[in-house]
mmCIF file of all heavy atoms, coordinates in Angstrom:
data_MODEL
# 
_entry.id   MODEL 
# 
loop_
_atom_site.group_PDB 
_atom_site.id 
_atom_site.type_symbol 
_atom_site.label_atom_id 
_atom_site.label_alt_id 
_atom_site.label_comp_id 
_atom_site.label_asym_id 
_atom_site.label_entity_id 
_atom_site.label_seq_id 
_atom_site.pdbx_PDB_ins_code 
_atom_site.Cartn_x 
_atom_site.Cartn_y 
_atom_site.Cartn_z 
_atom_site.occupancy 
_atom_site.B_iso_or_equiv 
_atom_site.pdbx_formal_charge 
_atom_site.auth_seq_id 
_atom_site.auth_comp_id 
_atom_site.auth_asym_id 
_atom_site.auth_atom_id 
_atom_site.pdbx_PDB_model_num 
ATOM 1   N N   . PRO A 1 1  ? 30.441 -14.918 -17.887 1.00 0.00 ? 1  PRO A N   1 
ATOM 2   C CA  . PRO A 1 1  ? 29.196 -14.223 -18.235 1.00 0.00 ? 1  PRO A CA  1 
ATOM 3   C C   . PRO A 1 1  ? 27.987 -15.157 -18.301 1.00 0.00 ? 1  PRO A C   1 
ATOM 4   O O   . PRO A 1 1  ? 26.876 -14.756 -17.933 1.00 0.00 ? 1  PRO A O   1 
ATOM 5   C CB  . PRO A 1 1  ? 29.500 -13.610 -19.603 1.00 0.00 ? 1  PRO A CB  1 
ATOM 6   C CG  . PRO A 1 1  ? 30.591 -14.454 -20.169 1.00 0.00 ? 1  PRO A CG  1 
ATOM 7   C CD  . PRO A 1 1  ? 31.413 -14.893 -19.002 1.00 0.00 ? 1  PRO A CD  1 
ATOM 8   N N   . THR A 1 2  ? 28.167 -16.395 -18.765 1.00 0.00 ? 2  THR A N   1 
ATOM 9   C CA  . THR A 1 2  ? 27.038 -17.317 -18.873 1.00 0.00 ? 2  THR A CA  1 
ATOM 10  C C   . THR A 1 2  ? 26.456 -17.638 -17.505 1.00 0.00 ? 2  THR A C   1 
ATOM 11  O O   . THR A 1 2  ? 25.229 -17.604 -17.309 1.00 0.00 ? 2  THR A O   1 
ATOM 12  C CB  . THR A 1 2  ? 27.480 -18.620 -19.567 1.00 0.00 ? 2  THR A CB  1 
ATOM 13  O OG1 . THR A 1 2  ? 28.011 -18.321 -20.864 1.00 0.00 ? 2  THR A OG1 1 
ATOM 14  C CG2 . THR A 1 2  ? 26.292 -19.576 -19.708 1.00 0.00 ? 2  THR A CG2 1 
ATOM 15  N N   . GLU A 1 3  ? 27.319 -17.935 -16.549 1.00 0.00 ? 3  GLU A N   1 
ATOM 16  C CA  . GLU A 1 3  ? 26.859 -18.247 -15.194 1.00 0.00 ? 3  GLU A CA  1 
ATOM 17  C C   . GLU A 1 3  ? 26.162 -17.048 -14.565 1.00 0.00 ? 3  GLU A C   1 
ATOM 18  O O   . GLU A 1 3  ? 25.115 -17.182 -13.915 1.00 0.00 ? 3  GLU A O   1 
ATOM 19  C CB  . GLU A 1 3  ? 28.054 -18.682 -14.339 1.00 0.00 ? 3  GLU A CB  1 
ATOM 20  C CG  . GLU A 1 3  ? 27.671 -19.235 -12.981 1.00 0.00 ? 3  GLU A CG  1 
ATOM 21  C CD  . GLU A 1 3  ? 28.878 -19.774 -12.233 1.00 0.00 ? 3  GLU A CD  1 
ATOM 22  O OE1 . GLU A 1 3  ? 30.023 -19.560 -12.697 1.00 0.00 ? 3  GLU A OE1 1 
ATOM 23  O OE2 . GLU A 1 3  ? 28.681 -20.392 -11.173 1.00 0.00 ? 3  GLU A OE2 1 
ATOM 24  N N   . LYS A 1 4  ? 26.721 -15.875 -14.780 1.00 0.00 ? 4  LYS A N   1 
ATOM 25  C CA  . LYS A 1 4  ? 26.112 -14.670 -14.228 1.00 0.00 ? 4  LYS A CA  1 
ATOM 26  C C   . LYS A 1 4  ? 24.760 -14.374 -14.867 1.00 0.00 ? 4  LYS A C   1 
ATOM 27  O O   . LYS A 1 4  ? 23.823 -13.935 -14.194 1.00 0.00 ? 4  LYS A O   1 
ATOM 28  C CB  . LYS A 1 4  ? 27.061 -13.485 -14.402 1.00 0.00 ? 4  LYS A CB  1 
ATOM 29  C CG  . LYS A 1 4  ? 28.306 -13.577 -13.527 1.00 0.00 ? 4  LYS A CG  1 
ATOM 30  C CD  . LYS A 1 4  ? 29.264 -12.430 -13.771 1.00 0.00 ? 4  LYS A CD  1 
ATOM 31  C CE  . LYS A 1 4  ? 30.489 -12.564 -12.870 1.00 0.00 ? 4  LYS A CE  1 
ATOM 32  N NZ  . LYS A 1 4  ? 31.483 -11.501 -13.092 1.00 0.00 ? 4  LYS A NZ  1 
ATOM 33  N N   . ASN A 1 5  ? 24.644 -14.625 -16.165 1.00 0.00 ? 5  ASN A N   1 
ATOM 34  C CA  . ASN A 1 5  ? 23.366 -14.413 -16.841 1.00 0.00 ? 5  ASN A CA  1 
ATOM 35  C C   . ASN A 1 5  ? 22.294 -15.358 -16.319 1.00 0.00 ? 5  ASN A C   1 
ATOM 36  O O   . ASN A 1 5  ? 21.132 -14.970 -16.161 1.00 0.00 ? 5  ASN A O   1 
ATOM 37  C CB  . ASN A 1 5  ? 23.537 -14.597 -18.354 1.00 0.00 ? 5  ASN A CB  1 
ATOM 38  C CG  . ASN A 1 5  ? 24.250 -13.421 -19.001 1.00 0.00 ? 5  ASN A CG  1 
ATOM 39  O OD1 . ASN A 1 5  ? 24.184 -12.298 -18.506 1.00 0.00 ? 5  ASN A OD1 1 
ATOM 40  N ND2 . ASN A 1 5  ? 24.932 -13.675 -20.092 1.00 0.00 ? 5  ASN A ND2 1 
ATOM 41  N N   . ILE A 1 6  ? 22.669 -16.602 -16.040 1.00 0.00 ? 6  ILE A N   1 
ATOM 42  C CA  . ILE A 1 6  ? 21.708 -17.572 -15.516 1.00 0.00 ? 6  ILE A CA  1 
ATOM 43  C C   . ILE A 1 6  ? 21.177 -17.115 -14.158 1.00 0.00 ? 6  ILE A C   1 
ATOM 44  O O   . ILE A 1 6  ? 19.967 -17.134 -13.902 1.00 0.00 ? 6  ILE A O   1 
ATOM 45  C CB  . ILE A 1 6  ? 22.356 -18.967 -15.418 1.00 0.00 ? 6  ILE A CB  1 
ATOM 46  C CG1 . ILE A 1 6  ? 22.614 -19.532 -16.816 1.00 0.00 ? 6  ILE A CG1 1 
ATOM 47  C CG2 . ILE A 1 6  ? 21.458 -19.915 -14.618 1.00 0.00 ? 6  ILE A CG2 1 
ATOM 48  C CD1 . ILE A 1 6  ? 23.401 -20.819 -16.821 1.00 0.00 ? 6  ILE A CD1 1 
ATOM 49  N N   . PHE A 1 7  ? 22.089 -16.683 -13.279 1.00 0.00 ? 7  PHE A N   1 
ATOM 50  C CA  . PHE A 1 7  ? 21.659 -16.227 -11.953 1.00 0.00 ? 7  PHE A CA  1 
ATOM 51  C C   . PHE A 1 7  ? 20.838 -14.935 -12.048 1.00 0.00 ? 7  PHE A C   1 
ATOM 52  O O   . PHE A 1 7  ? 19.871 -14.759 -11.300 1.00 0.00 ? 7  PHE A O   1 
ATOM 53  C CB  . PHE A 1 7  ? 22.878 -16.009 -11.045 1.00 0.00 ? 7  PHE A CB  1 
ATOM 54  C CG  . PHE A 1 7  ? 23.308 -17.251 -10.325 1.00 0.00 ? 7  PHE A CG  1 
ATOM 55  C CD1 . PHE A 1 7  ? 24.339 -18.021 -10.821 1.00 0.00 ? 7  PHE A CD1 1 
ATOM 56  C CD2 . PHE A 1 7  ? 22.671 -17.652 -9.172  1.00 0.00 ? 7  PHE A CD2 1 
ATOM 57  C CE1 . PHE A 1 7  ? 24.743 -19.173 -10.167 1.00 0.00 ? 7  PHE A CE1 1 
ATOM 58  C CE2 . PHE A 1 7  ? 23.053 -18.804 -8.506  1.00 0.00 ? 7  PHE A CE2 1 
ATOM 59  C CZ  . PHE A 1 7  ? 24.097 -19.564 -9.004  1.00 0.00 ? 7  PHE A CZ  1 
ATOM 60  N N   . THR A 1 8  ? 21.212 -14.046 -12.962 1.00 0.00 ? 8  THR A N   1 
ATOM 61  C CA  . THR A 1 8  ? 20.453 -12.808 -13.132 1.00 0.00 ? 8  THR A CA  1 
ATOM 62  C C   . THR A 1 8  ? 19.028 -13.097 -13.570 1.00 0.00 ? 8  THR A C   1 
ATOM 63  O O   . THR A 1 8  ? 18.068 -12.552 -13.013 1.00 0.00 ? 8  THR A O   1 
ATOM 64  C CB  . THR A 1 8  ? 21.146 -11.892 -14.153 1.00 0.00 ? 8  THR A CB  1 
ATOM 65  O OG1 . THR A 1 8  ? 22.468 -11.586 -13.709 1.00 0.00 ? 8  THR A OG1 1 
ATOM 66  C CG2 . THR A 1 8  ? 20.372 -10.601 -14.328 1.00 0.00 ? 8  THR A CG2 1 
ATOM 67  N N   . LEU A 1 9  ? 18.875 -13.954 -14.573 1.00 0.00 ? 9  LEU A N   1 
ATOM 68  C CA  . LEU A 1 9  ? 17.536 -14.296 -15.054 1.00 0.00 ? 9  LEU A CA  1 
ATOM 69  C C   . LEU A 1 9  ? 16.731 -15.020 -13.982 1.00 0.00 ? 9  LEU A C   1 
ATOM 70  O O   . LEU A 1 9  ? 15.513 -14.816 -13.855 1.00 0.00 ? 9  LEU A O   1 
ATOM 71  C CB  . LEU A 1 9  ? 17.639 -15.152 -16.318 1.00 0.00 ? 9  LEU A CB  1 
ATOM 72  C CG  . LEU A 1 9  ? 18.199 -14.437 -17.559 1.00 0.00 ? 9  LEU A CG  1 
ATOM 73  C CD1 . LEU A 1 9  ? 18.334 -15.408 -18.730 1.00 0.00 ? 9  LEU A CD1 1 
ATOM 74  C CD2 . LEU A 1 9  ? 17.307 -13.262 -17.956 1.00 0.00 ? 9  LEU A CD2 1 
ATOM 75  N N   . PHE A 1 10 ? 17.390 -15.850 -13.192 1.00 0.00 ? 10 PHE A N   1 
ATOM 76  C CA  . PHE A 1 10 ? 16.698 -16.546 -12.102 1.00 0.00 ? 10 PHE A CA  1 
ATOM 77  C C   . PHE A 1 10 ? 16.156 -15.543 -11.093 1.00 0.00 ? 10 PHE A C   1 
ATOM 78  O O   . PHE A 1 10 ? 14.996 -15.638 -10.662 1.00 0.00 ? 10 PHE A O   1 
ATOM 79  C CB  . PHE A 1 10 ? 17.662 -17.520 -11.417 1.00 0.00 ? 10 PHE A CB  1 
ATOM 80  C CG  . PHE A 1 10 ? 17.056 -18.242 -10.245 1.00 0.00 ? 10 PHE A CG  1 
ATOM 81  C CD1 . PHE A 1 10 ? 16.275 -19.364 -10.440 1.00 0.00 ? 10 PHE A CD1 1 
ATOM 82  C CD2 . PHE A 1 10 ? 17.268 -17.786 -8.943  1.00 0.00 ? 10 PHE A CD2 1 
ATOM 83  C CE1 . PHE A 1 10 ? 15.704 -20.025 -9.354  1.00 0.00 ? 10 PHE A CE1 1 
ATOM 84  C CE2 . PHE A 1 10 ? 16.702 -18.436 -7.867  1.00 0.00 ? 10 PHE A CE2 1 
ATOM 85  C CZ  . PHE A 1 10 ? 15.925 -19.564 -8.072  1.00 0.00 ? 10 PHE A CZ  1 
ATOM 86  N N   . MET A 1 11 ? 16.970 -14.571 -10.706 1.00 0.00 ? 11 MET A N   1 
ATOM 87  C CA  . MET A 1 11 ? 16.524 -13.571 -9.744  1.00 0.00 ? 11 MET A CA  1 
ATOM 88  C C   . MET A 1 11 ? 15.428 -12.688 -10.331 1.00 0.00 ? 11 MET A C   1 
ATOM 89  O O   . MET A 1 11 ? 14.501 -12.272 -9.624  1.00 0.00 ? 11 MET A O   1 
ATOM 90  C CB  . MET A 1 11 ? 17.703 -12.712 -9.293  1.00 0.00 ? 11 MET A CB  1 
ATOM 91  C CG  . MET A 1 11 ? 18.804 -13.485 -8.577  1.00 0.00 ? 11 MET A CG  1 
ATOM 92  S SD  . MET A 1 11 ? 18.273 -14.187 -6.998  1.00 0.00 ? 11 MET A SD  1 
ATOM 93  C CE  . MET A 1 11 ? 18.551 -12.816 -5.894  1.00 0.00 ? 11 MET A CE  1 
ATOM 94  N N   . VAL A 1 12 ? 15.502 -12.404 -11.613 1.00 0.00 ? 12 VAL A N   1 
ATOM 95  C CA  . VAL A 1 12 ? 14.461 -11.597 -12.265 1.00 0.00 ? 12 VAL A CA  1 
ATOM 96  C C   . VAL A 1 12 ? 13.135 -12.346 -12.270 1.00 0.00 ? 12 VAL A C   1 
ATOM 97  O O   . VAL A 1 12 ? 12.073 -11.774 -11.969 1.00 0.00 ? 12 VAL A O   1 
ATOM 98  C CB  . VAL A 1 12 ? 14.895 -11.224 -13.698 1.00 0.00 ? 12 VAL A CB  1 
ATOM 99  C CG1 . VAL A 1 12 ? 13.716 -10.667 -14.490 1.00 0.00 ? 12 VAL A CG1 1 
ATOM 100 C CG2 . VAL A 1 12 ? 16.018 -10.202 -13.667 1.00 0.00 ? 12 VAL A CG2 1 
ATOM 101 N N   . VAL A 1 13 ? 13.173 -13.625 -12.622 1.00 0.00 ? 13 VAL A N   1 
ATOM 102 C CA  . VAL A 1 13 ? 11.942 -14.427 -12.666 1.00 0.00 ? 13 VAL A CA  1 
ATOM 103 C C   . VAL A 1 13 ? 11.314 -14.536 -11.278 1.00 0.00 ? 13 VAL A C   1 
ATOM 104 O O   . VAL A 1 13 ? 10.089 -14.376 -11.121 1.00 0.00 ? 13 VAL A O   1 
ATOM 105 C CB  . VAL A 1 13 ? 12.232 -15.825 -13.250 1.00 0.00 ? 13 VAL A CB  1 
ATOM 106 C CG1 . VAL A 1 13 ? 11.028 -16.747 -13.071 1.00 0.00 ? 13 VAL A CG1 1 
ATOM 107 C CG2 . VAL A 1 13 ? 12.577 -15.712 -14.730 1.00 0.00 ? 13 VAL A CG2 1 
ATOM 108 N N   . THR A 1 14 ? 12.122 -14.805 -10.263 1.00 0.00 ? 14 THR A N   1 
ATOM 109 C CA  . THR A 1 14 ? 11.570 -14.917 -8.904  1.00 0.00 ? 14 THR A CA  1 
ATOM 110 C C   . THR A 1 14 ? 11.002 -13.584 -8.429  1.00 0.00 ? 14 THR A C   1 
ATOM 111 O O   . THR A 1 14 ? 9.982  -13.546 -7.733  1.00 0.00 ? 14 THR A O   1 
ATOM 112 C CB  . THR A 1 14 ? 12.644 -15.405 -7.924  1.00 0.00 ? 14 THR A CB  1 
ATOM 113 O OG1 . THR A 1 14 ? 13.818 -14.575 -8.013  1.00 0.00 ? 14 THR A OG1 1 
ATOM 114 C CG2 . THR A 1 14 ? 13.025 -16.844 -8.197  1.00 0.00 ? 14 THR A CG2 1 
ATOM 115 N N   . ALA A 1 15 ? 11.634 -12.469 -8.811  1.00 0.00 ? 15 ALA A N   1 
ATOM 116 C CA  . ALA A 1 15 ? 11.093 -11.151 -8.457  1.00 0.00 ? 15 ALA A CA  1 
ATOM 117 C C   . ALA A 1 15 ? 9.743  -10.926 -9.128  1.00 0.00 ? 15 ALA A C   1 
ATOM 118 O O   . ALA A 1 15 ? 8.809  -10.386 -8.518  1.00 0.00 ? 15 ALA A O   1 
ATOM 119 C CB  . ALA A 1 15 ? 12.076 -10.052 -8.849  1.00 0.00 ? 15 ALA A CB  1 
ATOM 120 N N   . CYS A 1 16 ? 9.606  -11.345 -10.388 1.00 0.00 ? 16 CYS A N   1 
ATOM 121 C CA  . CYS A 1 16 ? 8.326  -11.205 -11.101 1.00 0.00 ? 16 CYS A CA  1 
ATOM 122 C C   . CYS A 1 16 ? 7.237  -12.043 -10.426 1.00 0.00 ? 16 CYS A C   1 
ATOM 123 O O   . CYS A 1 16 ? 6.089  -11.598 -10.292 1.00 0.00 ? 16 CYS A O   1 
ATOM 124 C CB  . CYS A 1 16 ? 8.488  -11.621 -12.553 1.00 0.00 ? 16 CYS A CB  1 
ATOM 125 S SG  . CYS A 1 16 ? 9.480  -10.478 -13.554 1.00 0.00 ? 16 CYS A SG  1 
ATOM 126 N N   . VAL A 1 17 ? 7.587  -13.257 -10.010 1.00 0.00 ? 17 VAL A N   1 
ATOM 127 C CA  . VAL A 1 17 ? 6.606  -14.114 -9.317  1.00 0.00 ? 17 VAL A CA  1 
ATOM 128 C C   . VAL A 1 17 ? 6.182  -13.465 -8.000  1.00 0.00 ? 17 VAL A C   1 
ATOM 129 O O   . VAL A 1 17 ? 4.997  -13.480 -7.635  1.00 0.00 ? 17 VAL A O   1 
ATOM 130 C CB  . VAL A 1 17 ? 7.199  -15.517 -9.079  1.00 0.00 ? 17 VAL A CB  1 
ATOM 131 C CG1 . VAL A 1 17 ? 6.245  -16.356 -8.226  1.00 0.00 ? 17 VAL A CG1 1 
ATOM 132 C CG2 . VAL A 1 17 ? 7.463  -16.218 -10.404 1.00 0.00 ? 17 VAL A CG2 1 
ATOM 133 N N   . CYS A 1 18 ? 7.138  -12.868 -7.287  1.00 0.00 ? 18 CYS A N   1 
ATOM 134 C CA  . CYS A 1 18 ? 6.818  -12.184 -6.027  1.00 0.00 ? 18 CYS A CA  1 
ATOM 135 C C   . CYS A 1 18 ? 5.894  -10.993 -6.254  1.00 0.00 ? 18 CYS A C   1 
ATOM 136 O O   . CYS A 1 18 ? 4.994  -10.727 -5.446  1.00 0.00 ? 18 CYS A O   1 
ATOM 137 C CB  . CYS A 1 18 ? 8.102  -11.728 -5.335  1.00 0.00 ? 18 CYS A CB  1 
ATOM 138 S SG  . CYS A 1 18 ? 9.042  -13.063 -4.559  1.00 0.00 ? 18 CYS A SG  1 
ATOM 139 N N   . ILE A 1 19 ? 6.103  -10.261 -7.353  1.00 0.00 ? 19 ILE A N   1 
ATOM 140 C CA  . ILE A 1 19 ? 5.225  -9.137  -7.679  1.00 0.00 ? 19 ILE A CA  1 
ATOM 141 C C   . ILE A 1 19 ? 3.804  -9.625  -7.906  1.00 0.00 ? 19 ILE A C   1 
ATOM 142 O O   . ILE A 1 19 ? 2.834  -9.053  -7.389  1.00 0.00 ? 19 ILE A O   1 
ATOM 143 C CB  . ILE A 1 19 ? 5.749  -8.391  -8.924  1.00 0.00 ? 19 ILE A CB  1 
ATOM 144 C CG1 . ILE A 1 19 ? 7.077  -7.695  -8.608  1.00 0.00 ? 19 ILE A CG1 1 
ATOM 145 C CG2 . ILE A 1 19 ? 4.723  -7.374  -9.416  1.00 0.00 ? 19 ILE A CG2 1 
ATOM 146 C CD1 . ILE A 1 19 ? 7.759  -7.117  -9.836  1.00 0.00 ? 19 ILE A CD1 1 
ATOM 147 N N   . VAL A 1 20 ? 3.668  -10.696 -8.684  1.00 0.00 ? 20 VAL A N   1 
ATOM 148 C CA  . VAL A 1 20 ? 2.343  -11.248 -8.966  1.00 0.00 ? 20 VAL A CA  1 
ATOM 149 C C   . VAL A 1 20 ? 1.665  -11.711 -7.680  1.00 0.00 ? 20 VAL A C   1 
ATOM 150 O O   . VAL A 1 20 ? 0.472  -11.455 -7.454  1.00 0.00 ? 20 VAL A O   1 
ATOM 151 C CB  . VAL A 1 20 ? 2.455  -12.411 -9.978  1.00 0.00 ? 20 VAL A CB  1 
ATOM 152 C CG1 . VAL A 1 20 ? 1.110  -13.122 -10.142 1.00 0.00 ? 20 VAL A CG1 1 
ATOM 153 C CG2 . VAL A 1 20 ? 2.939  -11.900 -11.323 1.00 0.00 ? 20 VAL A CG2 1 
ATOM 154 N N   . LEU A 1 21 ? 2.413  -12.389 -6.802  1.00 0.00 ? 21 LEU A N   1 
ATOM 155 C CA  . LEU A 1 21 ? 1.840  -12.862 -5.538  1.00 0.00 ? 21 LEU A CA  1 
ATOM 156 C C   . LEU A 1 21 ? 1.387  -11.693 -4.661  1.00 0.00 ? 21 LEU A C   1 
ATOM 157 O O   . LEU A 1 21 ? 0.321  -11.751 -4.035  1.00 0.00 ? 21 LEU A O   1 
ATOM 158 C CB  . LEU A 1 21 ? 2.872  -13.706 -4.783  1.00 0.00 ? 21 LEU A CB  1 
ATOM 159 C CG  . LEU A 1 21 ? 3.088  -15.128 -5.286  1.00 0.00 ? 21 LEU A CG  1 
ATOM 160 C CD1 . LEU A 1 21 ? 4.244  -15.786 -4.540  1.00 0.00 ? 21 LEU A CD1 1 
ATOM 161 C CD2 . LEU A 1 21 ? 1.817  -15.959 -5.109  1.00 0.00 ? 21 LEU A CD2 1 
ATOM 162 N N   . SER A 1 22 ? 2.173  -10.626 -4.608  1.00 0.00 ? 22 SER A N   1 
ATOM 163 C CA  . SER A 1 22 ? 1.803  -9.458  -3.801  1.00 0.00 ? 22 SER A CA  1 
ATOM 164 C C   . SER A 1 22 ? 0.533  -8.805  -4.335  1.00 0.00 ? 22 SER A C   1 
ATOM 165 O O   . SER A 1 22 ? -0.349 -8.410  -3.560  1.00 0.00 ? 22 SER A O   1 
ATOM 166 C CB  . SER A 1 22 ? 2.952  -8.432  -3.783  1.00 0.00 ? 22 SER A CB  1 
ATOM 167 O OG  . SER A 1 22 ? 4.084  -8.944  -3.124  1.00 0.00 ? 22 SER A OG  1 
ATOM 168 N N   . LEU A 1 23 ? 0.419  -8.700  -5.663  1.00 0.00 ? 23 LEU A N   1 
ATOM 169 C CA  . LEU A 1 23 ? -0.778 -8.097  -6.245  1.00 0.00 ? 23 LEU A CA  1 
ATOM 170 C C   . LEU A 1 23 ? -2.002 -8.984  -6.030  1.00 0.00 ? 23 LEU A C   1 
ATOM 171 O O   . LEU A 1 23 ? -3.106 -8.483  -5.753  1.00 0.00 ? 23 LEU A O   1 
ATOM 172 C CB  . LEU A 1 23 ? -0.557 -7.843  -7.744  1.00 0.00 ? 23 LEU A CB  1 
ATOM 173 C CG  . LEU A 1 23 ? 0.535  -6.818  -8.091  1.00 0.00 ? 23 LEU A CG  1 
ATOM 174 C CD1 . LEU A 1 23 ? 0.688  -6.689  -9.588  1.00 0.00 ? 23 LEU A CD1 1 
ATOM 175 C CD2 . LEU A 1 23 ? 0.213  -5.469  -7.469  1.00 0.00 ? 23 LEU A CD2 1 
ATOM 176 N N   . ILE A 1 24 ? -1.827 -10.299 -6.153  1.00 0.00 ? 24 ILE A N   1 
ATOM 177 C CA  . ILE A 1 24 ? -2.939 -11.222 -5.899  1.00 0.00 ? 24 ILE A CA  1 
ATOM 178 C C   . ILE A 1 24 ? -3.382 -11.133 -4.445  1.00 0.00 ? 24 ILE A C   1 
ATOM 179 O O   . ILE A 1 24 ? -4.585 -11.107 -4.141  1.00 0.00 ? 24 ILE A O   1 
ATOM 180 C CB  . ILE A 1 24 ? -2.530 -12.668 -6.254  1.00 0.00 ? 24 ILE A CB  1 
ATOM 181 C CG1 . ILE A 1 24 ? -2.351 -12.820 -7.762  1.00 0.00 ? 24 ILE A CG1 1 
ATOM 182 C CG2 . ILE A 1 24 ? -3.580 -13.671 -5.743  1.00 0.00 ? 24 ILE A CG2 1 
ATOM 183 C CD1 . ILE A 1 24 ? -1.841 -14.171 -8.184  1.00 0.00 ? 24 ILE A CD1 1 
ATOM 184 N N   . GLU A 1 25 ? -2.408 -11.064 -3.527  1.00 0.00 ? 25 GLU A N   1 
ATOM 185 C CA  . GLU A 1 25 ? -2.758 -10.961 -2.116  1.00 0.00 ? 25 GLU A CA  1 
ATOM 186 C C   . GLU A 1 25 ? -3.462 -9.643  -1.815  1.00 0.00 ? 25 GLU A C   1 
ATOM 187 O O   . GLU A 1 25 ? -4.405 -9.604  -1.002  1.00 0.00 ? 25 GLU A O   1 
ATOM 188 C CB  . GLU A 1 25 ? -1.501 -11.082 -1.260  1.00 0.00 ? 25 GLU A CB  1 
ATOM 189 C CG  . GLU A 1 25 ? -1.796 -11.186 0.232   1.00 0.00 ? 25 GLU A CG  1 
ATOM 190 C CD  . GLU A 1 25 ? -0.546 -11.372 1.068   1.00 0.00 ? 25 GLU A CD  1 
ATOM 191 O OE1 . GLU A 1 25 ? 0.557  -11.252 0.530   1.00 0.00 ? 25 GLU A OE1 1 
ATOM 192 O OE2 . GLU A 1 25 ? -0.693 -11.639 2.290   1.00 0.00 ? 25 GLU A OE2 1 
ATOM 193 N N   . ALA A 1 26 ? -3.028 -8.550  -2.465  1.00 0.00 ? 26 ALA A N   1 
ATOM 194 C CA  . ALA A 1 26 ? -3.698 -7.262  -2.269  1.00 0.00 ? 26 ALA A CA  1 
ATOM 195 C C   . ALA A 1 26 ? -5.139 -7.321  -2.757  1.00 0.00 ? 26 ALA A C   1 
ATOM 196 O O   . ALA A 1 26 ? -6.068 -6.821  -2.095  1.00 0.00 ? 26 ALA A O   1 
ATOM 197 C CB  . ALA A 1 26 ? -2.926 -6.167  -2.998  1.00 0.00 ? 26 ALA A CB  1 
ATOM 198 N N   . ALA A 1 27 ? -5.365 -7.943  -3.924  1.00 0.00 ? 27 ALA A N   1 
ATOM 199 C CA  . ALA A 1 27 ? -6.730 -8.085  -4.453  1.00 0.00 ? 27 ALA A CA  1 
ATOM 200 C C   . ALA A 1 27 ? -7.578 -8.959  -3.526  1.00 0.00 ? 27 ALA A C   1 
ATOM 201 O O   . ALA A 1 27 ? -8.754 -8.662  -3.281  1.00 0.00 ? 27 ALA A O   1 
ATOM 202 C CB  . ALA A 1 27 ? -6.674 -8.680  -5.860  1.00 0.00 ? 27 ALA A CB  1 
ATOM 203 N N   . TYR A 1 28 ? -6.962 -10.023 -3.005  1.00 0.00 ? 28 TYR A N   1 
ATOM 204 C CA  . TYR A 1 28 ? -7.679 -10.905 -2.075  1.00 0.00 ? 28 TYR A CA  1 
ATOM 205 C C   . TYR A 1 28 ? -8.039 -10.165 -0.796  1.00 0.00 ? 28 TYR A C   1 
ATOM 206 O O   . TYR A 1 28 ? -9.161 -10.296 -0.274  1.00 0.00 ? 28 TYR A O   1 
ATOM 207 C CB  . TYR A 1 28 ? -6.789 -12.103 -1.759  1.00 0.00 ? 28 TYR A CB  1 
ATOM 208 C CG  . TYR A 1 28 ? -7.259 -12.944 -0.593  1.00 0.00 ? 28 TYR A CG  1 
ATOM 209 C CD1 . TYR A 1 28 ? -8.309 -13.844 -0.737  1.00 0.00 ? 28 TYR A CD1 1 
ATOM 210 C CD2 . TYR A 1 28 ? -6.660 -12.826 0.665   1.00 0.00 ? 28 TYR A CD2 1 
ATOM 211 C CE1 . TYR A 1 28 ? -8.756 -14.611 0.336   1.00 0.00 ? 28 TYR A CE1 1 
ATOM 212 C CE2 . TYR A 1 28 ? -7.092 -13.580 1.725   1.00 0.00 ? 28 TYR A CE2 1 
ATOM 213 C CZ  . TYR A 1 28 ? -8.132 -14.472 1.564   1.00 0.00 ? 28 TYR A CZ  1 
ATOM 214 O OH  . TYR A 1 28 ? -8.578 -15.227 2.615   1.00 0.00 ? 28 TYR A OH  1 
ATOM 215 N N   . LEU A 1 29 ? -7.123 -9.346  -0.300  1.00 0.00 ? 29 LEU A N   1 
ATOM 216 C CA  . LEU A 1 29 ? -7.365 -8.596  0.930   1.00 0.00 ? 29 LEU A CA  1 
ATOM 217 C C   . LEU A 1 29 ? -8.490 -7.580  0.748   1.00 0.00 ? 29 LEU A C   1 
ATOM 218 O O   . LEU A 1 29 ? -9.352 -7.428  1.616   1.00 0.00 ? 29 LEU A O   1 
ATOM 219 C CB  . LEU A 1 29 ? -6.071 -7.898  1.367   1.00 0.00 ? 29 LEU A CB  1 
ATOM 220 C CG  . LEU A 1 29 ? -5.998 -7.372  2.802   1.00 0.00 ? 29 LEU A CG  1 
ATOM 221 C CD1 . LEU A 1 29 ? -5.987 -8.539  3.779   1.00 0.00 ? 29 LEU A CD1 1 
ATOM 222 C CD2 . LEU A 1 29 ? -4.758 -6.513  2.992   1.00 0.00 ? 29 LEU A CD2 1 
# 
């Protein structure tokens, strides 16, 4: 469970960063 939790949180954080980048790019566009 510990290893799986680490990978889950990593994927969640990267997804959040991607959301922010997409919104910033939309505002820039």
